[in-house]
């Protein structure tokens, strides 16, 4: 994905994240990005089902996938980690985003070594949210839209 004139800000990753949030919240917006297929699936343009999330993988400026960490309330000592996120919010200035870790609850190991080791069959929202600085990312990969809120 290149950062061309189609983007509103200098941060194309932020622009994509904003589009995903808009699509997830409104399910009415259209997109002109490399994640267009996933957003179209979410909006019902492809398949017309109850999808509510475009899972994303973000890449740091060193080209390594970003892994987020967190714990559920009441589960102190059980840190979960994921390379795959649901975008919850993006601030107006594209500086920060609130991401929710997505995990497959049937996976035996919730400590993936790479995105290719993380199961995506039954990704679900975890309620574990982290805030990230969007200036740290240079690439985004969208996975097919899913129903993660079930």
Protein backbone atom coordinates (compact mmCIF):
# COMPACT_ATOMS: atom_id res chain seq x y z
CA UNK A 1 0.00 0.00 0.00
CA UNK A 2 1.43 3.36 -0.90
CA UNK A 3 0.75 6.70 0.70
CA UNK A 4 -0.66 8.73 -2.14
CA UNK A 5 -2.96 11.69 -2.57
CA UNK A 6 -5.98 9.56 -1.61
CA UNK A 7 -5.15 9.95 2.07
CA UNK A 8 -6.31 12.78 4.32
CA UNK A 9 -3.19 13.02 6.48
CA UNK A 10 0.49 12.26 6.12
CA UNK A 11 -0.08 9.01 8.03
CA UNK A 12 -1.64 6.44 5.70
CA UNK A 13 -1.84 3.84 8.50
CA UNK A 14 -3.88 6.29 10.56
CA UNK A 15 -6.15 7.00 7.63
CA UNK A 16 -6.84 3.29 7.14
CA UNK A 17 -7.53 2.85 10.85
CA UNK A 18 -9.97 5.77 10.80
CA UNK A 19 -11.75 4.21 7.82
CA UNK A 20 -12.03 0.89 9.64
CA UNK A 21 -13.48 2.58 12.72
CA UNK A 22 -15.97 4.49 10.58
CA UNK A 23 -17.00 1.32 8.76
CA UNK A 24 -17.30 -0.67 11.98
CA UNK A 25 -19.35 2.05 13.66
CA UNK A 26 -21.50 3.13 10.73
CA UNK A 27 -21.28 0.24 8.29
CA UNK A 28 -22.07 2.81 5.60
CA UNK A 29 -18.74 4.33 4.53
CA UNK A 30 -16.68 3.28 1.49
CA UNK A 31 -12.93 2.94 1.25
CA UNK A 32 -10.26 3.39 -1.42
CA UNK A 33 -7.45 1.51 0.25
CA UNK A 34 -5.73 -1.85 0.13
CA UNK A 35 -8.13 -2.96 2.88
CA UNK A 36 -11.12 -2.27 0.63
CA UNK A 37 -12.16 -5.92 0.37
CA UNK A 38 -12.28 -6.40 4.16
CA UNK A 39 -14.22 -3.19 4.65
CA UNK A 40 -16.65 -4.17 1.87
CA UNK A 41 -17.18 -7.51 3.62
CA UNK A 42 -17.88 -5.68 6.86
CA UNK A 43 -20.33 -3.35 5.18
CA UNK A 44 -22.22 -6.25 3.59
CA UNK A 45 -21.17 -5.42 0.02
CA UNK A 46 -19.72 -8.95 -0.14
CA UNK A 47 -21.75 -11.75 1.39
CA UNK A 48 -24.21 -9.62 3.43
CA UNK A 49 -23.85 -11.14 6.89
CA UNK A 50 -23.41 -10.06 10.51
CA UNK A 51 -19.72 -9.16 10.38
CA UNK A 52 -18.59 -6.46 12.82
CA UNK A 53 -14.78 -6.32 12.79
CA UNK A 54 -11.90 -5.87 10.36
CA UNK A 55 -8.95 -7.55 12.12
CA UNK A 56 -5.67 -5.75 11.51
CA UNK A 57 -1.98 -6.44 11.90
CA UNK A 58 0.23 -3.36 12.30
CA UNK A 59 3.92 -3.21 11.45
CA UNK A 60 6.47 -1.07 13.26
CA UNK A 61 8.92 1.10 11.34
CA UNK A 62 11.51 -1.69 11.58
CA UNK A 63 9.05 -3.81 9.50
CA UNK A 64 8.35 -6.18 12.39
CA UNK A 65 4.75 -6.99 13.30
CA UNK A 66 3.53 -5.21 16.42
CA UNK A 67 2.50 -7.42 19.34
CA UNK A 68 0.22 -6.01 22.04
CA UNK A 69 0.05 -7.20 25.65
CA UNK A 70 -2.59 -6.90 28.33
CA UNK A 71 -4.60 -8.65 31.02
CA UNK A 72 -8.28 -8.96 31.74
CA UNK A 73 -9.55 -7.49 34.97
CA UNK A 74 -9.47 -10.18 37.63
CA UNK A 75 -6.84 -12.20 35.77
CA UNK A 76 -3.73 -10.55 37.19
CA UNK A 77 -0.71 -12.62 36.36
CA UNK A 78 -2.18 -14.00 33.13
CA UNK A 79 -0.81 -11.67 30.46
CA UNK A 80 -2.29 -12.22 27.02
CA UNK A 81 -0.67 -11.16 23.78
CA UNK A 82 -1.75 -10.78 20.20
CA UNK A 83 -0.60 -9.54 16.81
CA UNK A 84 -4.21 -9.06 15.69
CA UNK A 85 -6.44 -6.17 16.77
CA UNK A 86 -9.86 -4.60 16.46
CA UNK A 87 -9.63 -0.83 16.08
CA UNK A 88 -11.87 0.81 18.67
CA UNK A 89 -11.02 4.50 18.25
CA UNK A 90 -8.63 6.81 16.43
CA UNK A 91 -8.14 10.34 17.73
CA UNK A 92 -8.94 13.26 15.46
CA UNK A 93 -5.28 14.16 14.89
CA UNK A 94 -4.24 10.59 13.99
CA UNK A 95 -1.78 10.47 16.84
CA UNK A 96 -3.24 7.67 18.97
CA UNK A 97 -5.53 4.70 18.56
CA UNK A 98 -7.32 2.43 20.98
CA UNK A 99 -6.89 -1.21 19.93
CA UNK A 100 -8.54 -4.32 21.34
CA UNK A 101 -6.61 -7.58 21.34
CA UNK A 102 -8.30 -10.32 19.33
CA UNK A 103 -7.66 -13.93 20.31
CA UNK A 104 -8.89 -17.37 19.36
CA UNK A 105 -10.31 -18.72 22.63
CA UNK A 106 -9.85 -22.30 21.42
CA UNK A 107 -6.10 -21.86 20.87
CA UNK A 108 -4.02 -23.68 23.45
CA UNK A 109 -1.21 -21.10 23.35
CA UNK A 110 -2.16 -17.42 23.65
CA UNK A 111 1.48 -16.34 23.34
CA UNK A 112 2.11 -16.38 19.57
CA UNK A 113 5.66 -15.94 18.32
CA UNK A 114 4.59 -14.36 15.03
CA UNK A 115 1.35 -13.42 13.27
CA UNK A 116 1.60 -16.60 11.19
CA UNK A 117 1.57 -18.66 14.41
CA UNK A 118 -1.60 -17.02 15.71
CA UNK A 119 -4.81 -18.88 14.91
CA UNK A 120 -7.46 -16.79 13.19
CA UNK A 121 -10.27 -19.35 12.90
CA UNK A 122 -12.39 -18.04 15.77
CA UNK A 123 -11.02 -14.62 16.67
CA UNK A 124 -13.04 -12.91 19.37
CA UNK A 125 -12.88 -9.59 21.16
CA UNK A 126 -11.13 -9.87 24.52
CA UNK A 127 -12.03 -6.62 26.23
CA UNK A 128 -8.28 -6.03 26.60
CA UNK A 129 -7.54 -2.62 25.10
CA UNK A 130 -4.27 -0.78 24.59
CA UNK A 131 -3.49 2.73 23.40
CA UNK A 132 -0.82 3.07 20.73
CA UNK A 133 1.12 5.93 19.16
CA UNK A 134 0.31 5.76 15.45
CA UNK A 135 3.58 7.43 14.46
CA UNK A 136 5.28 4.13 15.29
CA UNK A 137 3.67 2.23 12.39
CA UNK A 138 4.41 2.17 8.68
CA UNK A 139 2.30 -0.72 7.36
CA UNK A 140 -1.09 -2.32 7.97
CA UNK A 141 -2.55 -5.65 6.89
CA UNK A 142 -6.29 -6.22 6.98
CA UNK A 143 -7.62 -9.73 7.45
CA UNK A 144 -11.05 -10.79 6.18
CA UNK A 145 -13.93 -9.28 8.15
CA UNK A 146 -15.27 -11.40 11.01
CA UNK A 147 -17.91 -11.48 13.73
CA UNK A 148 -15.68 -10.92 16.78
CA UNK A 149 -18.30 -9.44 19.10
CA UNK A 150 -20.47 -12.58 19.36
